[in-house]
Amino acid sequence: MIPVIGLAVGIALGLFLDPTVPLWLQPYLPIAVVAALDAVFGGARARLDGIFDAKVFVISFVSNVVVAALIVFLGDQLGVGAQLSTAVVVVLGIRIFGNAAAIRRHLFRA
């Protein structure tokens, strides 16, 4: 219940405060969101499998975001930012869909 309350409070604060993202950070935000979603779906799958560990989740969440942002930053420095951004989204997307499929199989037995 606490995560749901935290999500609701976060959404309300985001709508109320209407934050703006600095221009230098804008290329990294979508990648960070996809990396965070990967960690969230992985955590949900681990919870349903009965092997969830909060410490592992937090480390996974932070490291996914940092590594994905570093890869995109490196790509920008090398002049291939768009290609590496696409690669990160594809890899994390595959992981997200794999976790979503495992969650669906667990919940619906299908």
N, C-alpha and C. Protein backbone atom coordinates (compact mmCIF):
# COMPACT_ATOMS: atom_id res chain seq x y z
N MET A 1 0.81 -1.19 0.00
CA MET A 1 0.00 0.00 0.00
C MET A 1 0.87 1.27 0.00
N ILE A 2 2.02 1.19 0.65
CA ILE A 2 2.91 2.34 0.72
C ILE A 2 3.38 2.76 -0.68
N PRO A 3 3.77 1.81 -1.57
CA PRO A 3 4.17 2.25 -2.91
C PRO A 3 3.06 2.96 -3.68
N VAL A 4 1.83 2.53 -3.51
CA VAL A 4 0.70 3.16 -4.19
C VAL A 4 0.50 4.58 -3.67
N ILE A 5 0.60 4.74 -2.35
CA ILE A 5 0.48 6.08 -1.77
C ILE A 5 1.62 6.98 -2.26
N GLY A 6 2.84 6.43 -2.28
CA GLY A 6 3.99 7.19 -2.78
C GLY A 6 3.81 7.61 -4.23
N LEU A 7 3.28 6.71 -5.05
CA LEU A 7 3.03 7.04 -6.45
C LEU A 7 2.00 8.15 -6.58
N ALA A 8 0.92 8.05 -5.81
CA ALA A 8 -0.13 9.07 -5.85
C ALA A 8 0.41 10.43 -5.40
N VAL A 9 1.20 10.43 -4.33
CA VAL A 9 1.79 11.69 -3.85
C VAL A 9 2.75 12.26 -4.90
N GLY A 10 3.56 11.41 -5.51
CA GLY A 10 4.49 11.86 -6.54
C GLY A 10 3.79 12.45 -7.75
N ILE A 11 2.72 11.82 -8.18
CA ILE A 11 1.95 12.34 -9.32
C ILE A 11 1.31 13.67 -8.96
N ALA A 12 0.74 13.75 -7.76
CA ALA A 12 0.11 15.01 -7.33
C ALA A 12 1.13 16.13 -7.24
N LEU A 13 2.31 15.85 -6.68
CA LEU A 13 3.36 16.87 -6.60
C LEU A 13 3.82 17.30 -7.99
N GLY A 14 3.96 16.34 -8.90
CA GLY A 14 4.37 16.67 -10.26
C GLY A 14 3.36 17.54 -10.97
N LEU A 15 2.10 17.27 -10.76
CA LEU A 15 1.06 18.10 -11.39
C LEU A 15 0.97 19.47 -10.74
N PHE A 16 1.14 19.52 -9.42
CA PHE A 16 1.02 20.78 -8.70
C PHE A 16 2.23 21.69 -8.92
N LEU A 17 3.42 21.12 -8.87
CA LEU A 17 4.64 21.92 -8.99
C LEU A 17 5.04 22.20 -10.43
N ASP A 18 4.58 21.35 -11.36
CA ASP A 18 4.88 21.49 -12.78
C ASP A 18 6.38 21.73 -13.02
N PRO A 19 7.21 20.75 -12.69
CA PRO A 19 8.66 20.95 -12.83
C PRO A 19 9.08 21.01 -14.30
N THR A 20 10.17 21.72 -14.56
CA THR A 20 10.73 21.78 -15.91
C THR A 20 12.07 21.06 -15.90
N VAL A 21 12.36 20.41 -17.00
CA VAL A 21 13.61 19.66 -17.14
C VAL A 21 14.60 20.54 -17.88
N PRO A 22 15.81 20.71 -17.34
CA PRO A 22 16.82 21.52 -18.04
C PRO A 22 17.14 20.93 -19.42
N LEU A 23 17.50 21.78 -20.36
CA LEU A 23 17.78 21.33 -21.73
C LEU A 23 18.87 20.28 -21.79
N TRP A 24 19.92 20.42 -20.98
CA TRP A 24 21.03 19.47 -21.04
C TRP A 24 20.62 18.09 -20.53
N LEU A 25 19.54 18.01 -19.75
CA LEU A 25 19.10 16.74 -19.18
C LEU A 25 18.03 16.05 -20.03
N GLN A 26 17.41 16.77 -20.94
CA GLN A 26 16.30 16.24 -21.71
C GLN A 26 16.62 14.99 -22.53
N PRO A 27 17.79 14.85 -23.14
CA PRO A 27 18.05 13.61 -23.89
C PRO A 27 18.15 12.36 -23.00
N TYR A 28 18.45 12.57 -21.73
CA TYR A 28 18.67 11.43 -20.84
C TYR A 28 17.41 11.01 -20.09
N LEU A 29 16.44 11.88 -19.99
CA LEU A 29 15.25 11.59 -19.21
C LEU A 29 14.45 10.39 -19.74
N PRO A 30 14.17 10.29 -21.04
CA PRO A 30 13.43 9.12 -21.51
C PRO A 30 14.17 7.81 -21.26
N ILE A 31 15.47 7.83 -21.40
CA ILE A 31 16.26 6.62 -21.16
C ILE A 31 16.21 6.26 -19.68
N ALA A 32 16.29 7.26 -18.82
CA ALA A 32 16.22 7.02 -17.38
C ALA A 32 14.86 6.45 -16.99
N VAL A 33 13.81 6.93 -17.61
CA VAL A 33 12.47 6.42 -17.32
C VAL A 33 12.35 4.96 -17.75
N VAL A 34 12.85 4.63 -18.93
CA VAL A 34 12.78 3.23 -19.40
C VAL A 34 13.62 2.33 -18.49
N ALA A 35 14.79 2.80 -18.07
CA ALA A 35 15.63 2.01 -17.16
C ALA A 35 14.94 1.82 -15.82
N ALA A 36 14.27 2.86 -15.33
CA ALA A 36 13.54 2.74 -14.07
C ALA A 36 12.37 1.78 -14.20
N LEU A 37 11.67 1.82 -15.34
CA LEU A 37 10.57 0.88 -15.56
C LEU A 37 11.07 -0.56 -15.59
N ASP A 38 12.25 -0.77 -16.15
CA ASP A 38 12.84 -2.10 -16.16
C ASP A 38 13.03 -2.60 -14.73
N ALA A 39 13.55 -1.75 -13.87
CA ALA A 39 13.75 -2.14 -12.48
C ALA A 39 12.42 -2.39 -11.77
N VAL A 40 11.42 -1.58 -12.05
CA VAL A 40 10.11 -1.74 -11.42
C VAL A 40 9.46 -3.06 -11.84
N PHE A 41 9.50 -3.37 -13.13
CA PHE A 41 8.92 -4.62 -13.59
C PHE A 41 9.71 -5.82 -13.05
N GLY A 42 11.02 -5.68 -12.96
CA GLY A 42 11.83 -6.74 -12.37
C GLY A 42 11.51 -6.94 -10.90
N GLY A 43 11.29 -5.85 -10.19
CA GLY A 43 10.90 -5.94 -8.78
C GLY A 43 9.54 -6.58 -8.60
N ALA A 44 8.60 -6.22 -9.46
CA ALA A 44 7.26 -6.82 -9.39
C ALA A 44 7.33 -8.32 -9.66
N ARG A 45 8.14 -8.69 -10.63
CA ARG A 45 8.30 -10.12 -10.94
C ARG A 45 8.94 -10.85 -9.76
N ALA A 46 9.96 -10.26 -9.17
CA ALA A 46 10.62 -10.88 -8.02
C ALA A 46 9.65 -11.01 -6.86
N ARG A 47 8.80 -10.01 -6.67
CA ARG A 47 7.80 -10.06 -5.58
C ARG A 47 6.85 -11.23 -5.79
N LEU A 48 6.38 -11.39 -7.02
CA LEU A 48 5.45 -12.49 -7.30
C LEU A 48 6.14 -13.85 -7.20
N ASP A 49 7.44 -13.90 -7.51
CA ASP A 49 8.19 -15.15 -7.39
C ASP A 49 8.62 -15.43 -5.95
N GLY A 50 8.40 -14.45 -5.06
CA GLY A 50 8.74 -14.64 -3.65
C GLY A 50 10.21 -14.43 -3.34
N ILE A 51 10.95 -13.75 -4.21
CA ILE A 51 12.39 -13.54 -3.98
C ILE A 51 12.75 -12.07 -3.95
N PHE A 52 11.77 -11.21 -3.68
CA PHE A 52 12.02 -9.77 -3.68
C PHE A 52 12.89 -9.39 -2.48
N ASP A 53 13.87 -8.53 -2.76
CA ASP A 53 14.73 -7.97 -1.71
C ASP A 53 14.83 -6.47 -1.97
N ALA A 54 14.43 -5.67 -0.98
CA ALA A 54 14.39 -4.22 -1.16
C ALA A 54 15.76 -3.65 -1.48
N LYS A 55 16.80 -4.18 -0.85
CA LYS A 55 18.16 -3.69 -1.10
C LYS A 55 18.56 -3.94 -2.56
N VAL A 56 18.29 -5.12 -3.05
CA VAL A 56 18.60 -5.45 -4.44
C VAL A 56 17.79 -4.57 -5.39
N PHE A 57 16.52 -4.32 -5.03
CA PHE A 57 15.67 -3.48 -5.89
C PHE A 57 16.23 -2.07 -5.99
N VAL A 58 16.58 -1.47 -4.87
CA VAL A 58 17.09 -0.09 -4.89
C VAL A 58 18.39 -0.02 -5.67
N ILE A 59 19.29 -0.98 -5.44
CA ILE A 59 20.56 -0.99 -6.17
C ILE A 59 20.32 -1.18 -7.66
N SER A 60 19.41 -2.07 -8.01
CA SER A 60 19.08 -2.31 -9.41
C SER A 60 18.47 -1.06 -10.05
N PHE A 61 17.57 -0.42 -9.33
CA PHE A 61 16.92 0.78 -9.84
C PHE A 61 17.95 1.87 -10.14
N VAL A 62 18.78 2.18 -9.17
CA VAL A 62 19.78 3.25 -9.33
C VAL A 62 20.81 2.88 -10.38
N SER A 63 21.31 1.65 -10.34
CA SER A 63 22.36 1.28 -11.29
C SER A 63 21.82 1.22 -12.71
N ASN A 64 20.59 0.76 -12.92
CA ASN A 64 20.00 0.76 -14.26
C ASN A 64 19.95 2.17 -14.83
N VAL A 65 19.48 3.11 -14.03
CA VAL A 65 19.36 4.49 -14.49
C VAL A 65 20.74 5.08 -14.79
N VAL A 66 21.69 4.87 -13.89
CA VAL A 66 23.02 5.45 -14.07
C VAL A 66 23.73 4.84 -15.28
N VAL A 67 23.69 3.53 -15.41
CA VAL A 67 24.37 2.88 -16.54
C VAL A 67 23.73 3.29 -17.87
N ALA A 68 22.40 3.33 -17.92
CA ALA A 68 21.74 3.73 -19.17
C ALA A 68 22.09 5.17 -19.52
N ALA A 69 22.09 6.06 -18.53
CA ALA A 69 22.45 7.46 -18.80
C ALA A 69 23.90 7.58 -19.24
N LEU A 70 24.79 6.81 -18.63
CA LEU A 70 26.20 6.85 -19.04
C LEU A 70 26.40 6.35 -20.45
N ILE A 71 25.67 5.33 -20.84
CA ILE A 71 25.78 4.82 -22.21
C ILE A 71 25.33 5.88 -23.20
N VAL A 72 24.22 6.54 -22.90
CA VAL A 72 23.73 7.59 -23.80
C VAL A 72 24.70 8.77 -23.81
N PHE A 73 25.25 9.14 -22.66
CA PHE A 73 26.23 10.22 -22.59
C PHE A 73 27.45 9.88 -23.43
N LEU A 74 27.94 8.65 -23.31
CA LEU A 74 29.08 8.22 -24.11
C LEU A 74 28.75 8.29 -25.60
N GLY A 75 27.55 7.87 -25.95
CA GLY A 75 27.12 7.96 -27.35
C GLY A 75 27.09 9.39 -27.85
N ASP A 76 26.61 10.30 -26.99
CA ASP A 76 26.61 11.72 -27.38
C ASP A 76 28.03 12.23 -27.59
N GLN A 77 28.95 11.82 -26.74
CA GLN A 77 30.34 12.27 -26.87
C GLN A 77 30.99 11.71 -28.12
N LEU A 78 30.59 10.51 -28.52
CA LEU A 78 31.14 9.88 -29.72
C LEU A 78 30.40 10.28 -30.99
N GLY A 79 29.28 10.99 -30.84
CA GLY A 79 28.51 11.41 -31.99
C GLY A 79 27.52 10.38 -32.48
N VAL A 80 27.26 9.36 -31.70
CA VAL A 80 26.30 8.31 -32.08
C VAL A 80 25.23 8.15 -30.99
N GLY A 81 24.84 9.28 -30.39
CA GLY A 81 23.90 9.26 -29.28
C GLY A 81 22.57 8.62 -29.62
N ALA A 82 22.04 8.92 -30.81
CA ALA A 82 20.74 8.37 -31.20
C ALA A 82 20.79 6.86 -31.34
N GLN A 83 21.88 6.34 -31.90
CA GLN A 83 22.00 4.90 -32.09
C GLN A 83 22.12 4.18 -30.74
N LEU A 84 22.93 4.72 -29.84
CA LEU A 84 23.07 4.09 -28.53
C LEU A 84 21.79 4.24 -27.71
N SER A 85 21.08 5.34 -27.86
CA SER A 85 19.79 5.50 -27.17
C SER A 85 18.82 4.44 -27.64
N THR A 86 18.79 4.21 -28.94
CA THR A 86 17.92 3.17 -29.49
C THR A 86 18.31 1.80 -28.98
N ALA A 87 19.60 1.54 -28.92
CA ALA A 87 20.07 0.24 -28.42
C ALA A 87 19.66 0.03 -26.96
N VAL A 88 19.80 1.07 -26.14
CA VAL A 88 19.42 0.95 -24.73
C VAL A 88 17.92 0.70 -24.61
N VAL A 89 17.12 1.43 -25.37
CA VAL A 89 15.67 1.25 -25.31
C VAL A 89 15.28 -0.15 -25.77
N VAL A 90 15.91 -0.66 -26.81
CA VAL A 90 15.60 -2.01 -27.30
C VAL A 90 15.94 -3.06 -26.25
N VAL A 91 17.13 -2.98 -25.68
CA VAL A 91 17.55 -3.98 -24.68
C VAL A 91 16.65 -3.92 -23.46
N LEU A 92 16.42 -2.72 -22.94
CA LEU A 92 15.56 -2.61 -21.76
C LEU A 92 14.11 -2.95 -22.08
N GLY A 93 13.67 -2.63 -23.29
CA GLY A 93 12.32 -2.99 -23.71
C GLY A 93 12.13 -4.50 -23.74
N ILE A 94 13.13 -5.22 -24.23
CA ILE A 94 13.06 -6.69 -24.24
C ILE A 94 12.95 -7.22 -22.82
N ARG A 95 13.74 -6.64 -21.90
CA ARG A 95 13.68 -7.06 -20.50
C ARG A 95 12.32 -6.73 -19.87
N ILE A 96 11.78 -5.55 -20.19
CA ILE A 96 10.48 -5.16 -19.64
C ILE A 96 9.40 -6.10 -20.12
N PHE A 97 9.38 -6.40 -21.41
CA PHE A 97 8.36 -7.30 -21.94
C PHE A 97 8.53 -8.72 -21.41
N GLY A 98 9.76 -9.16 -21.20
CA GLY A 98 9.99 -10.47 -20.60
C GLY A 98 9.45 -10.54 -19.18
N ASN A 99 9.71 -9.50 -18.41
CA ASN A 99 9.18 -9.45 -17.04
C ASN A 99 7.66 -9.33 -17.05
N ALA A 100 7.11 -8.52 -17.96
CA ALA A 100 5.66 -8.38 -18.05
C ALA A 100 5.01 -9.72 -18.41
N ALA A 101 5.64 -10.48 -19.28
CA ALA A 101 5.11 -11.80 -19.64
C ALA A 101 5.15 -12.74 -18.45
N ALA A 102 6.22 -12.70 -17.68
CA ALA A 102 6.31 -13.55 -16.48
C ALA A 102 5.26 -13.15 -15.45
N ILE A 103 5.03 -11.86 -15.29
CA ILE A 103 4.01 -11.38 -14.36
C ILE A 103 2.64 -11.84 -14.82
N ARG A 104 2.37 -11.70 -16.11
CA ARG A 104 1.07 -12.14 -16.66
C ARG A 104 0.87 -13.64 -16.45
N ARG A 105 1.92 -14.44 -16.73
CA ARG A 105 1.81 -15.88 -16.52
C ARG A 105 1.53 -16.21 -15.06
N HIS A 106 2.17 -15.48 -14.17
CA HIS A 106 1.98 -15.74 -12.75
C HIS A 106 0.56 -15.35 -12.29
N LEU A 107 0.08 -14.20 -12.74
CA LEU A 107 -1.23 -13.71 -12.30
C LEU A 107 -2.39 -14.45 -12.94
N PHE A 108 -2.28 -14.73 -14.23
CA PHE A 108 -3.42 -15.30 -14.95
C PHE A 108 -3.24 -16.77 -15.32
N ARG A 109 -2.11 -17.33 -14.93
CA ARG A 109 -1.80 -18.74 -15.26
C ARG A 109 -1.91 -18.98 -16.75
N ALA A 110 -1.52 -17.97 -17.54
CA ALA A 110 -1.60 -18.10 -19.00
C ALA A 110 -0.35 -17.57 -19.64
